[in-house]
């Protein structure tokens, strides 16, 4: 099995060679701009990793890897409009640079391009890859809608939150891994196991993202911190704070989330989170989902070399700063 560094370099090279189109400029320039920013390129790396785990040929998962990453970037273009986000990966968002209308249309075009890439999959696996992609894309949209609904919904349970992030984030991570397994012609049991592994890692990944949004360093995080607090998102941090708070502290939280000045609001909510020990509580939950994921790997009976590479990847992914 190749090293993570080798797989990552292959992903980078793959996207360096991607040519979308250039006319009309105002449609395609935002797409090129978005893809050129790089980011973690997590989804194509996971697709490659899923393929390598089951001794597949990397060239057979390239269409899915490209399609999944372009789809992911499409969702970011639209997410930034919904969140009124000014910065993404340390750069102005497409929404702020070109405006909402262009961001919507360029995002829609990226969705089409993602399908174009997916349909280049080998005929033997095309149906399975396409079915997985369709299911994943629909679920991501369902998760995003739930996320928006929760902003105005008075009460949200922690269980409902986990279902939302399963849909919004985890299914794309799991789907990326499974697409690699499909390309490698892995057994159905192996495909299910690697998908379930991805779901748990995906939930841990989103929990860390929520944590970084409040407690991360803006320079290393790559986007403005505190957006979840400003928009009253019902993250795990928010829900756990209300679960732990007594009557007086709940009133303090209620008041803090009504503060109109963004910086004052972020500072006050963060202060209350610290008083309630929300950061270590979230870190415990991240570790729990990571442990669930690693336990699933036992059923795959992977060779020690593969297990070591995968464990190293998990640690880098979960204990990240951005």
Protein backbone atom coordinates (compact mmCIF):
# COMPACT_ATOMS: atom_id res chain seq x y z
CA UNK A 1 0.00 0.00 0.00
CA UNK A 2 1.25 3.47 -0.86
CA UNK A 3 1.96 6.06 1.82
CA UNK A 4 -0.44 8.89 2.64
CA UNK A 5 2.11 11.33 1.22
CA UNK A 6 2.13 9.46 -2.10
CA UNK A 7 -1.67 9.40 -2.26
CA UNK A 8 -1.87 13.09 -1.33
CA UNK A 9 0.63 14.02 -4.04
CA UNK A 10 -1.46 12.06 -6.56
CA UNK A 11 -4.56 13.99 -5.49
CA UNK A 12 -2.71 17.31 -5.83
CA UNK A 13 -1.39 16.37 -9.26
CA UNK A 14 -4.86 15.26 -10.32
CA UNK A 15 -6.40 18.63 -9.50
CA UNK A 16 -3.50 20.57 -10.98
CA UNK A 17 -4.39 18.96 -14.31
CA UNK A 18 -8.13 19.57 -14.09
CA UNK A 19 -9.41 21.93 -16.75
CA UNK A 20 -13.01 23.03 -16.43
CA UNK A 21 -13.71 25.74 -19.03
CA UNK A 22 -13.15 29.47 -19.32
CA UNK A 23 -16.15 30.95 -21.14
CA UNK A 24 -18.12 32.76 -19.99
CA UNK A 25 -15.47 34.01 -17.58
CA UNK A 26 -17.89 35.12 -14.88
CA UNK A 27 -19.28 31.60 -14.66
CA UNK A 28 -16.05 29.59 -14.72
CA UNK A 29 -13.54 31.92 -13.03
CA UNK A 30 -15.25 31.44 -9.63
CA UNK A 31 -15.09 27.66 -10.12
CA UNK A 32 -11.40 27.74 -10.99
CA UNK A 33 -10.80 30.10 -8.06
CA UNK A 34 -12.62 27.76 -5.67
CA UNK A 35 -10.80 24.62 -6.78
CA UNK A 36 -7.40 26.35 -6.89
CA UNK A 37 -7.63 27.18 -3.18
CA UNK A 38 -6.92 23.54 -2.46
CA UNK A 39 -8.08 22.89 1.05
CA UNK A 40 -7.59 19.46 2.57
CA UNK A 41 -8.73 17.56 -0.56
CA UNK A 42 -10.06 15.08 1.96
CA UNK A 43 -12.74 13.40 -0.17
CA UNK A 44 -10.52 12.36 -3.11
CA UNK A 45 -7.82 11.26 -0.67
CA UNK A 46 -10.39 9.08 1.09
CA UNK A 47 -11.51 7.64 -2.25
CA UNK A 48 -7.89 6.74 -3.06
CA UNK A 49 -7.41 5.35 0.44
CA UNK A 50 -10.57 3.23 0.18
CA UNK A 51 -9.34 1.82 -3.12
CA UNK A 52 -5.84 1.05 -1.82
CA UNK A 53 -7.15 -0.69 1.31
CA UNK A 54 -8.76 -3.32 -0.92
CA UNK A 55 -5.88 -3.54 -3.43
CA UNK A 56 -7.69 -1.72 -6.22
CA UNK A 57 -6.26 0.29 -9.12
CA UNK A 58 -6.20 4.02 -8.40
CA UNK A 59 -7.00 5.00 -11.98
CA UNK A 60 -10.42 3.34 -11.61
CA UNK A 61 -11.45 5.61 -8.72
CA UNK A 62 -10.23 8.87 -10.29
CA UNK A 63 -13.63 9.83 -11.81
CA UNK A 64 -15.36 9.36 -8.45
CA UNK A 65 -12.56 11.17 -6.60
CA UNK A 66 -12.85 14.18 -8.91
CA UNK A 67 -16.64 14.19 -8.83
CA UNK A 68 -16.86 13.98 -5.05
CA UNK A 69 -14.39 16.83 -4.49
CA UNK A 70 -16.06 19.08 -7.06
CA UNK A 71 -19.43 18.30 -5.48
CA UNK A 72 -18.02 19.14 -2.04
CA UNK A 73 -16.75 22.49 -3.32
CA UNK A 74 -20.16 23.18 -4.85
CA UNK A 75 -21.73 22.76 -1.42
CA UNK A 76 -19.19 25.19 0.06
CA UNK A 77 -20.11 27.88 -2.46
CA UNK A 78 -23.75 27.63 -1.43
CA UNK A 79 -22.94 27.21 2.29
CA UNK A 80 -21.04 30.49 2.27
CA UNK A 81 -24.08 32.32 0.90
CA UNK A 82 -26.33 30.81 3.57
CA UNK A 83 -23.83 31.63 6.33
CA UNK A 84 -22.92 35.07 4.92
CA UNK A 85 -19.31 33.88 5.25
CA UNK A 86 -16.59 36.32 4.14
CA UNK A 87 -13.58 33.98 4.26
CA UNK A 88 -12.92 30.42 3.11
CA UNK A 89 -9.47 28.81 3.26
CA UNK A 90 -7.97 32.17 4.17
CA UNK A 91 -9.33 33.86 1.03
CA UNK A 92 -12.50 35.85 0.22
CA UNK A 93 -15.39 33.50 -0.52
CA UNK A 94 -16.82 33.35 -4.04
CA UNK A 95 -19.97 34.89 -2.56
CA UNK A 96 -18.07 37.92 -1.26
CA UNK A 97 -15.84 38.25 -4.33
CA UNK A 98 -18.44 37.80 -7.09
CA UNK A 99 -21.79 38.13 -5.31
CA UNK A 100 -24.60 35.74 -4.40
CA UNK A 101 -26.05 35.31 -7.90
CA UNK A 102 -22.74 34.25 -9.42
CA UNK A 103 -21.97 31.98 -6.45
CA UNK A 104 -25.32 30.23 -6.92
CA UNK A 105 -24.90 29.75 -10.67
CA UNK A 106 -21.24 28.70 -10.48
CA UNK A 107 -22.17 26.27 -7.71
CA UNK A 108 -24.96 24.79 -9.82
CA UNK A 109 -22.49 24.36 -12.68
CA UNK A 110 -20.06 22.59 -10.37
CA UNK A 111 -22.81 20.11 -9.50
CA UNK A 112 -23.21 19.33 -13.21
CA UNK A 113 -19.44 19.00 -13.64
CA UNK A 114 -19.34 16.60 -10.69
CA UNK A 115 -21.85 14.38 -12.51
CA UNK A 116 -19.80 14.58 -15.70
CA UNK A 117 -16.78 13.27 -13.80
CA UNK A 118 -18.72 10.52 -12.02
CA UNK A 119 -20.14 9.16 -15.28
CA UNK A 120 -16.61 8.51 -16.55
CA UNK A 121 -16.34 5.61 -14.10
CA UNK A 122 -15.66 2.13 -15.49
CA UNK A 123 -18.89 0.57 -16.84
CA UNK A 124 -18.59 -2.35 -14.39
CA UNK A 125 -18.88 -0.02 -11.40
CA UNK A 126 -20.72 2.99 -12.85
CA UNK A 127 -24.18 1.99 -11.59
CA UNK A 128 -22.96 1.42 -8.02
CA UNK A 129 -20.88 4.61 -7.99
CA UNK A 130 -23.74 6.66 -9.41
CA UNK A 131 -26.29 5.23 -6.97
CA UNK A 132 -23.94 5.99 -4.07
CA UNK A 133 -23.32 9.52 -5.34
CA UNK A 134 -27.04 10.23 -5.80
CA UNK A 135 -27.85 8.99 -2.30
CA UNK A 136 -24.96 10.97 -0.81
CA UNK A 137 -25.81 14.20 -2.63
CA UNK A 138 -29.46 14.04 -1.54
CA UNK A 139 -28.50 13.35 2.08
CA UNK A 140 -26.02 16.24 2.17
CA UNK A 141 -28.82 18.58 1.07
CA UNK A 142 -31.13 17.10 3.72
CA UNK A 143 -28.46 17.71 6.35
CA UNK A 144 -27.97 21.30 5.26
CA UNK A 145 -31.71 21.95 5.49
CA UNK A 146 -31.83 20.48 9.00
CA UNK A 147 -28.87 22.67 9.96
CA UNK A 148 -30.77 25.76 8.81
CA UNK A 149 -34.00 24.59 10.46
CA UNK A 150 -32.20 24.17 13.77
CA UNK A 151 -31.17 27.85 13.78
CA UNK A 152 -34.78 28.91 14.42
CA UNK A 153 -36.05 25.71 16.08
CA UNK A 154 -36.49 26.33 19.81
CA UNK A 155 -35.39 22.91 21.01
CA UNK A 156 -33.00 20.46 19.36
CA UNK A 157 -31.79 17.26 20.99
CA UNK A 158 -28.20 16.08 20.83
CA UNK A 159 -29.48 13.00 18.99
CA UNK A 160 -31.08 15.22 16.34
CA UNK A 161 -27.82 17.12 16.03
CA UNK A 162 -25.86 13.90 15.42
CA UNK A 163 -28.35 12.88 12.72
CA UNK A 164 -27.94 16.29 11.08
CA UNK A 165 -24.14 16.08 10.94
CA UNK A 166 -24.33 12.46 9.80
CA UNK A 167 -26.22 13.74 6.78
CA UNK A 168 -24.46 17.05 6.24
CA UNK A 169 -20.87 15.88 6.68
CA UNK A 170 -20.37 12.20 7.49
CA UNK A 171 -22.13 10.62 4.50
CA UNK A 172 -19.78 12.37 2.06
CA UNK A 173 -16.73 11.15 3.96
CA UNK A 174 -18.19 7.63 4.16
CA UNK A 175 -19.26 7.75 0.52
CA UNK A 176 -15.76 8.74 -0.56
CA UNK A 177 -14.26 5.73 1.20
CA UNK A 178 -16.93 3.40 -0.15
CA UNK A 179 -16.45 4.66 -3.70
CA UNK A 180 -12.83 3.53 -3.43
CA UNK A 181 -13.95 0.15 -2.13
CA UNK A 182 -16.42 -0.18 -5.02
CA UNK A 183 -13.67 0.68 -7.52
CA UNK A 184 -11.51 -2.03 -5.93
CA UNK A 185 -14.36 -4.57 -6.28
CA UNK A 186 -14.37 -5.13 -2.51
CA UNK A 187 -17.02 -7.43 -1.04
CA UNK A 188 -20.35 -5.97 0.05
CA UNK A 189 -19.46 -6.65 3.69
CA UNK A 190 -16.20 -4.74 3.28
CA UNK A 191 -18.00 -1.88 1.56
CA UNK A 192 -20.45 -1.64 4.45
CA UNK A 193 -17.69 -1.76 7.06
CA UNK A 194 -15.63 0.99 5.44
CA UNK A 195 -18.79 3.09 5.03
CA UNK A 196 -19.70 2.67 8.71
CA UNK A 197 -16.11 3.54 9.61
CA UNK A 198 -16.45 6.70 7.52
CA UNK A 199 -19.70 7.71 9.21
CA UNK A 200 -18.09 7.64 12.65
CA UNK A 201 -14.95 9.42 11.48
CA UNK A 202 -17.16 11.96 9.70
CA UNK A 203 -19.07 12.75 12.89
CA UNK A 204 -15.81 13.13 14.82
CA UNK A 205 -14.51 15.35 12.01
CA UNK A 206 -17.56 17.64 12.21
CA UNK A 207 -17.35 17.81 16.00
CA UNK A 208 -13.76 18.99 15.64
CA UNK A 209 -14.88 21.52 13.02
CA UNK A 210 -17.47 22.87 15.46
CA UNK A 211 -14.81 23.04 18.16
CA UNK A 212 -12.38 24.91 15.91
CA UNK A 213 -15.08 27.38 14.90
CA UNK A 214 -15.26 28.54 18.51
CA UNK A 215 -11.84 27.75 19.96
CA UNK A 216 -9.62 27.60 16.86
CA UNK A 217 -7.04 30.10 15.64
CA UNK A 218 -8.42 32.08 12.71
CA UNK A 219 -5.06 32.14 10.90
CA UNK A 220 -4.69 28.34 10.96
CA UNK A 221 -8.43 27.54 10.72
CA UNK A 222 -8.56 29.29 7.34
CA UNK A 223 -11.90 31.01 7.89
CA UNK A 224 -13.45 33.42 10.33
CA UNK A 225 -14.07 31.86 13.72
CA UNK A 226 -17.24 32.39 15.72
CA UNK A 227 -19.61 32.08 12.74
CA UNK A 228 -21.58 29.33 14.51
CA UNK A 229 -22.08 31.58 17.53
CA UNK A 230 -23.05 34.59 15.41
CA UNK A 231 -25.66 32.56 13.51
CA UNK A 232 -26.98 30.76 16.63
CA UNK A 233 -26.18 27.35 15.18
CA UNK A 234 -27.24 24.44 17.33
CA UNK A 235 -23.82 22.80 17.41
CA UNK A 236 -22.82 20.13 19.91
CA UNK A 237 -21.13 22.88 21.95
CA UNK A 238 -24.36 24.89 22.08
CA UNK A 239 -26.54 21.91 22.97
CA UNK A 240 -24.13 20.52 25.56
CA UNK A 241 -23.90 23.95 27.20
CA UNK A 242 -27.68 24.12 27.63
CA UNK A 243 -27.76 20.51 28.84
CA UNK A 244 -25.17 21.22 31.55
CA UNK A 245 -26.33 24.71 32.55
CA UNK A 246 -28.46 25.36 35.62
CA UNK A 247 -31.39 27.80 35.50
CA UNK A 248 -29.22 30.89 36.05
CA UNK A 249 -26.62 29.84 33.48
CA UNK A 250 -29.32 29.08 30.91
CA UNK A 251 -30.55 32.66 31.29
CA UNK A 252 -26.97 33.87 30.82
CA UNK A 253 -26.71 31.82 27.61
CA UNK A 254 -30.08 33.12 26.38
CA UNK A 255 -28.92 36.69 26.90
CA UNK A 256 -25.50 36.08 25.32
CA UNK A 257 -27.02 34.67 22.12
CA UNK A 258 -29.15 37.84 21.79
CA UNK A 259 -26.16 40.22 21.83
CA UNK A 260 -26.13 42.18 18.55
CA UNK A 261 -22.45 43.14 18.44
CA UNK A 262 -20.73 40.11 16.89
CA UNK A 263 -17.41 40.35 18.73
CA UNK A 264 -19.09 40.90 22.09
CA UNK A 265 -21.40 37.97 21.38
CA UNK A 266 -18.55 35.62 20.47
CA UNK A 267 -16.52 36.62 23.52
CA UNK A 268 -19.41 36.25 25.95
CA UNK A 269 -20.65 32.91 24.61
CA UNK A 270 -17.09 31.54 24.56
CA UNK A 271 -16.63 32.68 28.15
CA UNK A 272 -19.78 30.81 29.19
CA UNK A 273 -18.68 27.71 27.26
CA UNK A 274 -15.41 27.80 29.20
CA UNK A 275 -17.23 28.07 32.51
CA UNK A 276 -19.21 24.96 31.57
CA UNK A 277 -16.10 23.03 30.39
CA UNK A 278 -17.61 22.54 26.94
CA UNK A 279 -14.27 22.20 25.13
CA UNK A 280 -13.13 19.09 27.07
CA UNK A 281 -16.67 17.66 26.87
CA UNK A 282 -16.55 17.95 23.08
CA UNK A 283 -13.07 16.44 22.93
CA UNK A 284 -14.34 13.42 24.88
CA UNK A 285 -17.14 12.93 22.34
CA UNK A 286 -14.66 13.24 19.45
CA UNK A 287 -12.56 10.50 21.03
CA UNK A 288 -15.64 8.29 21.48
CA UNK A 289 -16.62 8.44 17.80
CA UNK A 290 -13.00 7.92 16.78
CA UNK A 291 -12.92 4.80 18.94
CA UNK A 292 -16.17 3.54 17.37
CA UNK A 293 -14.53 3.96 13.97
CA UNK A 294 -11.32 2.15 14.87
CA UNK A 295 -13.29 -0.74 16.37
CA UNK A 296 -15.09 -1.20 13.04
CA UNK A 297 -11.72 -1.65 11.34
CA UNK A 298 -11.20 -4.86 13.30
CA UNK A 299 -13.86 -6.57 11.17
CA UNK A 300 -11.84 -5.86 8.02
CA UNK A 301 -8.78 -7.83 9.19
CA UNK A 302 -6.44 -5.37 7.49
CA UNK A 303 -2.73 -6.08 7.26
CA UNK A 304 -0.70 -4.24 9.90
CA UNK A 305 0.84 -1.90 7.29
CA UNK A 306 -2.59 -0.77 6.10
CA UNK A 307 -3.90 -0.43 9.64
CA UNK A 308 -0.90 1.73 10.60
CA UNK A 309 -1.39 4.04 7.63
CA UNK A 310 -5.10 4.34 8.35
CA UNK A 311 -4.55 5.03 12.06
CA UNK A 312 -2.01 7.71 11.18
CA UNK A 313 -4.52 9.30 8.84
CA UNK A 314 -7.24 9.26 11.53
CA UNK A 315 -4.98 11.06 14.00
CA UNK A 316 -4.02 13.75 11.47
CA UNK A 317 -7.64 14.23 10.48
CA UNK A 318 -9.15 14.45 13.94
CA UNK A 319 -6.40 16.29 15.81
CA UNK A 320 -6.04 19.05 13.23
CA UNK A 321 -5.88 22.84 13.58
CA UNK A 322 -7.76 23.70 10.40
